[in-house]
Amino acid sequence: MSLSRKRRKELKRLQSAAEELWGNQQHVLENANAVAREASRQLGQLTREEVVPRVRTGYESYVRPGVEQAGRFARSAGDTVERSVGNVLGSVLSIGDIANDARVRRAVERVSPRAAAVVERKKGPGVGTYLAIGAGVVAAAGVAYAVWQTFRADDELWVADDEPMPSTTAGTTPPL
């Protein structure tokens, strides 16, 4: 395929313009990469100098006291539940031990032989079982309440710092 001289000249000019454009684009991309690297570096420095201290201060001011208070409350609730459940279970077990004592059985038989027969016949969950289940439910409710108190939205914890309001005099209006 033969091209005229004019067409070859136009194609060479077009090729050189395309090569020049390609070179310019490469230069622009290099500059854009350099700007992006510098922006990334500046963002890292800004994060280290401004964001991290503010996050740390916010955590120390707002989050940590709430977590510590929740921990104290949970420990207190746990100790109370532990004491209550321990007392109830101790009482139930001591009543069971007394009921199973041979001397008590003999005394019950002397008073009422029929009551002794009823006591011996009963097999299955007794009062102690239901008391233990009730104590477990109360303990679970106490823990659930402690968790709820810990994680509920408390308006007082998240009050923004008050900014001073510009003072206004009777004759002037505040700027908009």
N, C-alpha and C. Protein backbone atom coordinates (compact mmCIF):
# COMPACT_ATOMS: atom_id res chain seq x y z
N MET A 1 0.85 -1.15 0.00
CA MET A 1 0.00 0.00 0.00
C MET A 1 0.90 1.23 0.00
N SER A 2 0.69 2.07 -0.95
CA SER A 2 1.53 3.26 -1.06
C SER A 2 0.72 4.48 -0.62
N LEU A 3 1.41 5.32 0.13
CA LEU A 3 0.78 6.54 0.62
C LEU A 3 1.43 7.72 -0.07
N SER A 4 0.66 8.72 -0.19
CA SER A 4 1.23 9.91 -0.81
C SER A 4 2.15 10.58 0.20
N ARG A 5 3.01 11.42 -0.32
CA ARG A 5 3.98 12.11 0.53
C ARG A 5 3.26 12.95 1.57
N LYS A 6 2.20 13.60 1.16
CA LYS A 6 1.44 14.45 2.06
C LYS A 6 0.86 13.63 3.21
N ARG A 7 0.32 12.46 2.91
CA ARG A 7 -0.25 11.59 3.94
C ARG A 7 0.86 11.10 4.88
N ARG A 8 2.00 10.73 4.36
CA ARG A 8 3.10 10.26 5.21
C ARG A 8 3.54 11.36 6.16
N LYS A 9 3.61 12.60 5.66
CA LYS A 9 4.01 13.73 6.48
C LYS A 9 2.99 13.95 7.61
N GLU A 10 1.70 13.90 7.25
CA GLU A 10 0.65 14.06 8.24
C GLU A 10 0.70 12.95 9.30
N LEU A 11 0.94 11.73 8.86
CA LEU A 11 1.03 10.60 9.79
C LEU A 11 2.24 10.75 10.71
N LYS A 12 3.39 11.24 10.18
CA LYS A 12 4.57 11.45 11.02
C LYS A 12 4.29 12.54 12.05
N ARG A 13 3.63 13.63 11.61
CA ARG A 13 3.28 14.69 12.54
C ARG A 13 2.33 14.18 13.63
N LEU A 14 1.37 13.40 13.21
CA LEU A 14 0.41 12.82 14.15
C LEU A 14 1.12 11.88 15.13
N GLN A 15 2.06 11.09 14.62
CA GLN A 15 2.81 10.17 15.48
C GLN A 15 3.66 10.94 16.48
N SER A 16 4.31 11.99 16.03
CA SER A 16 5.15 12.78 16.95
C SER A 16 4.26 13.49 17.98
N ALA A 17 3.07 13.97 17.58
CA ALA A 17 2.15 14.61 18.52
C ALA A 17 1.67 13.58 19.55
N ALA A 18 1.40 12.36 19.11
CA ALA A 18 0.96 11.30 20.03
C ALA A 18 2.08 10.96 21.01
N GLU A 19 3.33 10.87 20.55
CA GLU A 19 4.45 10.58 21.43
C GLU A 19 4.64 11.71 22.45
N GLU A 20 4.48 12.95 21.98
CA GLU A 20 4.61 14.09 22.89
C GLU A 20 3.49 14.05 23.95
N LEU A 21 2.27 13.74 23.51
CA LEU A 21 1.14 13.61 24.44
C LEU A 21 1.40 12.50 25.45
N TRP A 22 1.91 11.37 24.97
CA TRP A 22 2.23 10.24 25.86
C TRP A 22 3.28 10.67 26.91
N GLY A 23 4.28 11.37 26.49
CA GLY A 23 5.30 11.86 27.42
C GLY A 23 4.72 12.82 28.44
N ASN A 24 3.84 13.72 27.98
CA ASN A 24 3.19 14.66 28.90
C ASN A 24 2.32 13.92 29.92
N GLN A 25 1.60 12.89 29.45
CA GLN A 25 0.77 12.11 30.36
C GLN A 25 1.62 11.40 31.41
N GLN A 26 2.75 10.86 30.99
CA GLN A 26 3.64 10.19 31.94
C GLN A 26 4.14 11.18 32.99
N HIS A 27 4.47 12.38 32.55
CA HIS A 27 4.93 13.42 33.47
C HIS A 27 3.81 13.79 34.46
N VAL A 28 2.59 13.93 33.98
CA VAL A 28 1.45 14.27 34.84
C VAL A 28 1.22 13.14 35.86
N LEU A 29 1.30 11.90 35.43
CA LEU A 29 1.12 10.76 36.34
C LEU A 29 2.20 10.71 37.40
N GLU A 30 3.44 11.01 37.02
CA GLU A 30 4.53 11.04 38.00
C GLU A 30 4.26 12.12 39.05
N ASN A 31 3.83 13.30 38.58
CA ASN A 31 3.52 14.38 39.52
C ASN A 31 2.34 14.01 40.43
N ALA A 32 1.31 13.37 39.86
CA ALA A 32 0.15 12.96 40.65
C ALA A 32 0.56 11.93 41.71
N ASN A 33 1.43 11.00 41.35
CA ASN A 33 1.92 10.01 42.31
C ASN A 33 2.72 10.69 43.43
N ALA A 34 3.54 11.65 43.07
CA ALA A 34 4.32 12.37 44.08
C ALA A 34 3.39 13.13 45.04
N VAL A 35 2.35 13.76 44.50
CA VAL A 35 1.39 14.48 45.34
C VAL A 35 0.65 13.50 46.25
N ALA A 36 0.25 12.35 45.72
CA ALA A 36 -0.47 11.35 46.52
C ALA A 36 0.43 10.82 47.64
N ARG A 37 1.71 10.57 47.36
CA ARG A 37 2.64 10.11 48.40
C ARG A 37 2.78 11.16 49.50
N GLU A 38 2.93 12.40 49.10
CA GLU A 38 3.07 13.48 50.09
C GLU A 38 1.79 13.63 50.91
N ALA A 39 0.64 13.53 50.27
CA ALA A 39 -0.64 13.62 51.00
C ALA A 39 -0.76 12.47 52.00
N SER A 40 -0.34 11.29 51.60
CA SER A 40 -0.39 10.13 52.50
C SER A 40 0.53 10.35 53.70
N ARG A 41 1.70 10.87 53.46
CA ARG A 41 2.66 11.14 54.54
C ARG A 41 2.09 12.19 55.49
N GLN A 42 1.53 13.26 54.93
CA GLN A 42 0.95 14.32 55.75
C GLN A 42 -0.24 13.79 56.57
N LEU A 43 -1.05 12.94 55.96
CA LEU A 43 -2.19 12.35 56.67
C LEU A 43 -1.72 11.49 57.83
N GLY A 44 -0.67 10.73 57.63
CA GLY A 44 -0.11 9.93 58.72
C GLY A 44 0.38 10.80 59.87
N GLN A 45 1.06 11.88 59.54
CA GLN A 45 1.54 12.80 60.58
C GLN A 45 0.37 13.46 61.30
N LEU A 46 -0.64 13.89 60.56
CA LEU A 46 -1.80 14.51 61.17
C LEU A 46 -2.51 13.53 62.10
N THR A 47 -2.60 12.30 61.68
CA THR A 47 -3.23 11.27 62.52
C THR A 47 -2.45 11.10 63.81
N ARG A 48 -1.13 11.00 63.71
CA ARG A 48 -0.30 10.82 64.91
C ARG A 48 -0.35 12.04 65.83
N GLU A 49 -0.38 13.23 65.25
CA GLU A 49 -0.30 14.44 66.05
C GLU A 49 -1.65 14.93 66.57
N GLU A 50 -2.74 14.72 65.83
CA GLU A 50 -4.03 15.29 66.21
C GLU A 50 -5.07 14.23 66.58
N VAL A 51 -5.25 13.25 65.73
CA VAL A 51 -6.36 12.31 65.92
C VAL A 51 -6.10 11.37 67.10
N VAL A 52 -4.94 10.76 67.15
CA VAL A 52 -4.64 9.80 68.21
C VAL A 52 -4.75 10.44 69.60
N PRO A 53 -4.18 11.62 69.84
CA PRO A 53 -4.35 12.22 71.18
C PRO A 53 -5.81 12.53 71.50
N ARG A 54 -6.58 12.97 70.52
CA ARG A 54 -7.99 13.27 70.79
C ARG A 54 -8.77 12.00 71.10
N VAL A 55 -8.50 10.94 70.37
CA VAL A 55 -9.17 9.67 70.65
C VAL A 55 -8.78 9.17 72.03
N ARG A 56 -7.51 9.26 72.35
CA ARG A 56 -7.03 8.82 73.66
C ARG A 56 -7.69 9.64 74.78
N THR A 57 -7.78 10.96 74.59
CA THR A 57 -8.41 11.82 75.59
C THR A 57 -9.90 11.49 75.72
N GLY A 58 -10.57 11.29 74.61
CA GLY A 58 -11.99 10.93 74.64
C GLY A 58 -12.22 9.62 75.36
N TYR A 59 -11.36 8.65 75.09
CA TYR A 59 -11.48 7.35 75.77
C TYR A 59 -11.29 7.52 77.27
N GLU A 60 -10.25 8.27 77.65
CA GLU A 60 -9.97 8.46 79.07
C GLU A 60 -11.09 9.25 79.76
N SER A 61 -11.72 10.20 79.03
CA SER A 61 -12.74 11.05 79.63
C SER A 61 -14.11 10.39 79.67
N TYR A 62 -14.48 9.69 78.62
CA TYR A 62 -15.85 9.21 78.51
C TYR A 62 -15.99 7.70 78.67
N VAL A 63 -15.19 6.94 78.00
CA VAL A 63 -15.39 5.49 77.96
C VAL A 63 -14.86 4.82 79.21
N ARG A 64 -13.64 5.11 79.59
CA ARG A 64 -13.02 4.41 80.71
C ARG A 64 -13.80 4.56 82.02
N PRO A 65 -14.26 5.79 82.40
CA PRO A 65 -15.03 5.88 83.65
C PRO A 65 -16.30 5.03 83.61
N GLY A 66 -16.97 4.99 82.48
CA GLY A 66 -18.18 4.18 82.37
C GLY A 66 -17.88 2.70 82.49
N VAL A 67 -16.80 2.26 81.87
CA VAL A 67 -16.42 0.85 81.95
C VAL A 67 -16.03 0.49 83.38
N GLU A 68 -15.28 1.37 84.03
CA GLU A 68 -14.89 1.10 85.41
C GLU A 68 -16.10 1.08 86.33
N GLN A 69 -17.03 2.01 86.13
CA GLN A 69 -18.24 2.04 86.95
C GLN A 69 -19.07 0.79 86.71
N ALA A 70 -19.18 0.37 85.46
CA ALA A 70 -19.93 -0.85 85.16
C ALA A 70 -19.26 -2.06 85.81
N GLY A 71 -17.95 -2.10 85.79
CA GLY A 71 -17.23 -3.20 86.43
C GLY A 71 -17.47 -3.23 87.93
N ARG A 72 -17.43 -2.06 88.57
CA ARG A 72 -17.70 -2.01 90.01
C ARG A 72 -19.13 -2.45 90.30
N PHE A 73 -20.07 -1.98 89.49
CA PHE A 73 -21.46 -2.35 89.69
C PHE A 73 -21.66 -3.86 89.50
N ALA A 74 -21.05 -4.40 88.45
CA ALA A 74 -21.18 -5.84 88.19
C ALA A 74 -20.56 -6.64 89.32
N ARG A 75 -19.39 -6.21 89.82
CA ARG A 75 -18.76 -6.92 90.95
C ARG A 75 -19.66 -6.87 92.18
N SER A 76 -20.22 -5.68 92.45
CA SER A 76 -21.10 -5.53 93.61
C SER A 76 -22.34 -6.40 93.46
N ALA A 77 -22.95 -6.37 92.27
CA ALA A 77 -24.14 -7.20 92.03
C ALA A 77 -23.79 -8.67 92.13
N GLY A 78 -22.65 -9.06 91.60
CA GLY A 78 -22.22 -10.46 91.67
C GLY A 78 -21.99 -10.89 93.11
N ASP A 79 -21.36 -10.03 93.90
CA ASP A 79 -21.13 -10.37 95.31
C ASP A 79 -22.46 -10.51 96.05
N THR A 80 -23.38 -9.60 95.79
CA THR A 80 -24.68 -9.66 96.45
C THR A 80 -25.42 -10.93 96.05
N VAL A 81 -25.44 -11.23 94.76
CA VAL A 81 -26.11 -12.44 94.29
C VAL A 81 -25.44 -13.67 94.87
N GLU A 82 -24.12 -13.67 94.90
CA GLU A 82 -23.40 -14.82 95.44
C GLU A 82 -23.75 -15.04 96.91
N ARG A 83 -23.79 -13.96 97.69
CA ARG A 83 -24.15 -14.09 99.10
C ARG A 83 -25.58 -14.59 99.25
N SER A 84 -26.51 -13.99 98.48
CA SER A 84 -27.92 -14.37 98.59
C SER A 84 -28.13 -15.81 98.18
N VAL A 85 -27.58 -16.18 97.04
CA VAL A 85 -27.74 -17.56 96.57
C VAL A 85 -27.06 -18.52 97.53
N GLY A 86 -25.91 -18.15 98.04
CA GLY A 86 -25.22 -19.03 99.00
C GLY A 86 -26.04 -19.22 100.26
N ASN A 87 -26.63 -18.14 100.76
CA ASN A 87 -27.46 -18.26 101.96
C ASN A 87 -28.68 -19.13 101.71
N VAL A 88 -29.35 -18.91 100.56
CA VAL A 88 -30.55 -19.69 100.25
C VAL A 88 -30.19 -21.16 100.06
N LEU A 89 -29.15 -21.43 99.29
CA LEU A 89 -28.76 -22.83 99.06
C LEU A 89 -28.31 -23.49 100.36
N GLY A 90 -27.59 -22.75 101.19
CA GLY A 90 -27.18 -23.32 102.48
C GLY A 90 -28.37 -23.67 103.34
N SER A 91 -29.36 -22.77 103.37
CA SER A 91 -30.58 -23.04 104.14
C SER A 91 -31.32 -24.25 103.58
N VAL A 92 -31.47 -24.31 102.27
CA VAL A 92 -32.18 -25.43 101.65
C VAL A 92 -31.46 -26.74 101.93
N LEU A 93 -30.15 -26.74 101.80
CA LEU A 93 -29.40 -27.98 102.04
C LEU A 93 -29.47 -28.39 103.51
N SER A 94 -29.42 -27.42 104.40
CA SER A 94 -29.51 -27.78 105.82
C SER A 94 -30.90 -28.32 106.15
N ILE A 95 -31.95 -27.75 105.54
CA ILE A 95 -33.30 -28.29 105.75
C ILE A 95 -33.38 -29.70 105.20
N GLY A 96 -32.78 -29.94 104.05
CA GLY A 96 -32.77 -31.29 103.48
C GLY A 96 -32.02 -32.27 104.37
N ASP A 97 -30.89 -31.82 104.91
CA ASP A 97 -30.14 -32.69 105.82
C ASP A 97 -30.95 -33.00 107.07
N ILE A 98 -31.62 -32.00 107.60
CA ILE A 98 -32.44 -32.22 108.80
C ILE A 98 -33.58 -33.18 108.48
N ALA A 99 -34.21 -33.02 107.29
CA ALA A 99 -35.33 -33.89 106.93
C ALA A 99 -34.87 -35.33 106.74
N ASN A 100 -33.65 -35.53 106.30
CA ASN A 100 -33.15 -36.89 106.09
C ASN A 100 -32.55 -37.51 107.34
N ASP A 101 -32.44 -36.76 108.40
CA ASP A 101 -31.88 -37.28 109.64
C ASP A 101 -32.82 -38.34 110.23
N ALA A 102 -32.24 -39.43 110.67
CA ALA A 102 -33.03 -40.56 111.19
C ALA A 102 -33.81 -40.16 112.43
N ARG A 103 -33.23 -39.34 113.28
CA ARG A 103 -33.92 -38.94 114.50
C ARG A 103 -35.17 -38.12 114.17
N VAL A 104 -35.05 -37.25 113.16
CA VAL A 104 -36.21 -36.44 112.77
C VAL A 104 -37.28 -37.34 112.18
N ARG A 105 -36.92 -38.31 111.39
CA ARG A 105 -37.90 -39.24 110.80
C ARG A 105 -38.64 -40.02 111.89
N ARG A 106 -37.87 -40.48 112.86
CA ARG A 106 -38.52 -41.23 113.94
C ARG A 106 -39.49 -40.34 114.70
N ALA A 107 -39.10 -39.06 114.93
CA ALA A 107 -40.00 -38.15 115.64
C ALA A 107 -41.25 -37.89 114.84
N VAL A 108 -41.10 -37.72 113.51
CA VAL A 108 -42.26 -37.48 112.64
C VAL A 108 -43.16 -38.70 112.64
N GLU A 109 -42.58 -39.92 112.62
CA GLU A 109 -43.38 -41.15 112.65
C GLU A 109 -44.16 -41.26 113.94
N ARG A 110 -43.55 -40.84 115.05
CA ARG A 110 -44.25 -40.91 116.33
C ARG A 110 -45.43 -39.96 116.34
N VAL A 111 -45.24 -38.76 115.77
CA VAL A 111 -46.32 -37.77 115.77
C VAL A 111 -47.40 -38.16 114.77
N SER A 112 -47.00 -38.48 113.56
CA SER A 112 -47.97 -38.80 112.53
C SER A 112 -47.35 -39.81 111.56
N PRO A 113 -47.72 -41.09 111.71
CA PRO A 113 -47.15 -42.10 110.81
C PRO A 113 -47.51 -41.84 109.34
N ARG A 114 -48.66 -41.26 109.12
CA ARG A 114 -49.09 -40.99 107.75
C ARG A 114 -48.19 -39.93 107.09
N ALA A 115 -47.77 -38.89 107.80
CA ALA A 115 -46.90 -37.84 107.27
C ALA A 115 -45.54 -38.42 106.90
N ALA A 116 -45.06 -39.36 107.70
CA ALA A 116 -43.78 -39.98 107.41
C ALA A 116 -43.85 -40.77 106.12
N ALA A 117 -44.98 -41.43 105.88
CA ALA A 117 -45.14 -42.20 104.65
C ALA A 117 -45.17 -41.28 103.44
N VAL A 118 -45.80 -40.12 103.59
CA VAL A 118 -45.86 -39.15 102.48
C VAL A 118 -44.48 -38.61 102.18
N VAL A 119 -43.70 -38.33 103.23
CA VAL A 119 -42.36 -37.79 103.03
C VAL A 119 -41.50 -38.80 102.30
N GLU A 120 -41.61 -40.09 102.62
CA GLU A 120 -40.77 -41.12 102.00
C GLU A 120 -41.18 -41.40 100.57
N ARG A 121 -42.48 -41.31 100.28
CA ARG A 121 -42.96 -41.64 98.94
C ARG A 121 -42.56 -40.60 97.90
N LYS A 122 -42.38 -39.38 98.30
CA LYS A 122 -42.15 -38.28 97.35
C LYS A 122 -40.79 -38.43 96.67
N LYS A 123 -40.81 -38.56 95.37
CA LYS A 123 -39.59 -38.61 94.56
C LYS A 123 -39.75 -37.59 93.43
N GLY A 124 -38.69 -36.89 93.09
CA GLY A 124 -38.73 -35.92 92.01
C GLY A 124 -38.33 -34.55 92.52
N PRO A 125 -38.55 -33.53 91.72
CA PRO A 125 -38.11 -32.19 92.11
C PRO A 125 -38.91 -31.71 93.32
N GLY A 126 -38.17 -31.24 94.28
CA GLY A 126 -38.80 -30.75 95.50
C GLY A 126 -38.68 -29.24 95.61
N VAL A 127 -38.94 -28.76 96.80
CA VAL A 127 -38.89 -27.33 97.06
C VAL A 127 -37.48 -26.80 96.82
N GLY A 128 -36.50 -27.55 97.21
CA GLY A 128 -35.11 -27.12 97.03
C GLY A 128 -34.77 -26.91 95.56
N THR A 129 -35.28 -27.80 94.72
CA THR A 129 -35.02 -27.67 93.28
C THR A 129 -35.62 -26.36 92.77
N TYR A 130 -36.86 -26.09 93.18
CA TYR A 130 -37.51 -24.88 92.71
C TYR A 130 -36.84 -23.63 93.28
N LEU A 131 -36.39 -23.70 94.51
CA LEU A 131 -35.66 -22.57 95.09
C LEU A 131 -34.34 -22.34 94.36
N ALA A 132 -33.64 -23.41 94.02
CA ALA A 132 -32.38 -23.27 93.28
C ALA A 132 -32.63 -22.68 91.90
N ILE A 133 -33.69 -23.12 91.23
CA ILE A 133 -34.03 -22.57 89.91
C ILE A 133 -34.38 -21.09 90.05
N GLY A 134 -35.16 -20.75 91.08
CA GLY A 134 -35.52 -19.35 91.32
C GLY A 134 -34.29 -18.50 91.58
N ALA A 135 -33.36 -19.04 92.39
CA ALA A 135 -32.12 -18.30 92.68
C ALA A 135 -31.31 -18.10 91.40
N GLY A 136 -31.27 -19.11 90.55
CA GLY A 136 -30.56 -18.99 89.27
C GLY A 136 -31.19 -17.93 88.39
N VAL A 137 -32.52 -17.89 88.35
CA VAL A 137 -33.22 -16.89 87.55
C VAL A 137 -32.94 -15.49 88.09
N VAL A 138 -32.96 -15.35 89.42
CA VAL A 138 -32.67 -14.04 90.03
C VAL A 138 -31.24 -13.61 89.71
N ALA A 139 -30.30 -14.56 89.78
CA ALA A 139 -28.91 -14.23 89.46
C ALA A 139 -28.77 -13.82 88.01
N ALA A 140 -29.41 -14.54 87.10
CA ALA A 140 -29.35 -14.19 85.67
C ALA A 140 -29.98 -12.83 85.43
N ALA A 141 -31.09 -12.54 86.12
CA ALA A 141 -31.73 -11.24 85.96
C ALA A 141 -30.82 -10.13 86.48
N GLY A 142 -30.12 -10.38 87.58
CA GLY A 142 -29.19 -9.38 88.12
C GLY A 142 -28.06 -9.10 87.15
N VAL A 143 -27.51 -10.14 86.56
CA VAL A 143 -26.43 -9.96 85.58
C VAL A 143 -26.96 -9.23 84.35
N ALA A 144 -28.15 -9.61 83.88
CA ALA A 144 -28.73 -8.95 82.71
C ALA A 144 -28.98 -7.47 83.00
N TYR A 145 -29.46 -7.16 84.20
CA TYR A 145 -29.68 -5.77 84.56
C TYR A 145 -28.37 -5.00 84.61
N ALA A 146 -27.33 -5.61 85.15
CA ALA A 146 -26.02 -4.95 85.21
C ALA A 146 -25.50 -4.66 83.80
N VAL A 147 -25.65 -5.62 82.91
CA VAL A 147 -25.21 -5.43 81.52
C VAL A 147 -26.04 -4.34 80.86
N TRP A 148 -27.35 -4.35 81.10
CA TRP A 148 -28.22 -3.33 80.51
C TRP A 148 -27.83 -1.95 81.00
N GLN A 149 -27.57 -1.80 82.30
CA GLN A 149 -27.16 -0.52 82.85
C GLN A 149 -25.82 -0.07 82.26
N THR A 150 -24.97 -1.03 81.98
CA THR A 150 -23.65 -0.70 81.43
C THR A 150 -23.76 -0.16 80.02
N PHE A 151 -24.59 -0.78 79.20
CA PHE A 151 -24.60 -0.45 77.79
C PHE A 151 -25.76 0.45 77.35
N ARG A 152 -26.61 0.88 78.25
CA ARG A 152 -27.71 1.73 77.82
C ARG A 152 -27.18 3.12 77.48
N ALA A 153 -27.93 3.84 76.68
CA ALA A 153 -27.50 5.18 76.26
C ALA A 153 -27.73 6.13 77.43
N ASP A 154 -26.67 6.69 77.93
CA ASP A 154 -26.76 7.62 79.04
C ASP A 154 -26.44 9.01 78.52
N ASP A 155 -27.44 9.87 78.53
CA ASP A 155 -27.28 11.21 77.94
C ASP A 155 -26.21 12.01 78.65
N GLU A 156 -26.03 11.79 79.94
CA GLU A 156 -25.06 12.59 80.67
C GLU A 156 -23.63 12.26 80.29
N LEU A 157 -23.38 11.06 79.80
CA LEU A 157 -22.02 10.69 79.43
C LEU A 157 -21.56 11.35 78.15
N TRP A 158 -22.48 11.70 77.27
CA TRP A 158 -22.10 12.16 75.93
C TRP A 158 -22.48 13.62 75.70
N VAL A 159 -22.45 14.43 76.72
CA VAL A 159 -22.76 15.85 76.56
C VAL A 159 -21.55 16.53 75.92
N ALA A 160 -21.82 17.27 74.86
CA ALA A 160 -20.74 17.97 74.17
C ALA A 160 -20.27 19.13 75.03
N ASP A 161 -19.01 19.51 74.84
CA ASP A 161 -18.47 20.65 75.56
C ASP A 161 -19.22 21.90 75.15
N ASP A 162 -19.57 22.70 76.14
CA ASP A 162 -20.30 23.94 75.84
C ASP A 162 -19.35 24.97 75.27
N GLU A 163 -19.79 25.57 74.19
CA GLU A 163 -19.01 26.65 73.60
C GLU A 163 -19.57 27.96 74.12
N PRO A 164 -18.73 28.91 74.43
CA PRO A 164 -19.25 30.19 74.95
C PRO A 164 -20.09 30.89 73.90
N MET A 165 -21.23 31.38 74.33
CA MET A 165 -22.13 32.10 73.42
C MET A 165 -21.65 33.54 73.32
N PRO A 166 -21.72 34.13 72.13
CA PRO A 166 -21.33 35.54 72.01
C PRO A 166 -22.31 36.40 72.80
N SER A 167 -21.76 37.34 73.53
CA SER A 167 -22.63 38.20 74.34
C SER A 167 -23.28 39.24 73.45
N THR A 168 -24.53 39.53 73.73
CA THR A 168 -25.26 40.53 72.94
C THR A 168 -25.69 41.64 73.87
N THR A 169 -25.70 42.83 73.33
CA THR A 169 -26.18 43.98 74.11
C THR A 169 -27.55 44.34 73.59
N ALA A 170 -28.23 45.21 74.29
CA ALA A 170 -29.62 45.54 73.93
C ALA A 170 -29.72 46.19 72.57
N GLY A 171 -28.72 46.93 72.16
CA GLY A 171 -28.80 47.68 70.91
C GLY A 171 -28.29 46.93 69.68
N THR A 172 -27.63 45.80 69.86
CA THR A 172 -27.06 45.10 68.72
C THR A 172 -27.71 43.76 68.57
N THR A 173 -27.64 43.26 67.37
CA THR A 173 -28.15 41.92 67.12
C THR A 173 -26.97 41.00 66.88
N PRO A 174 -27.10 39.73 67.23
CA PRO A 174 -25.97 38.82 67.02
C PRO A 174 -25.72 38.60 65.53
N PRO A 175 -24.47 38.34 65.18
CA PRO A 175 -24.16 38.10 63.75
C PRO A 175 -24.75 36.77 63.32
N LEU A 176 -25.14 36.69 62.07
CA LEU A 176 -25.72 35.45 61.52
C LEU A 176 -24.70 34.61 60.88
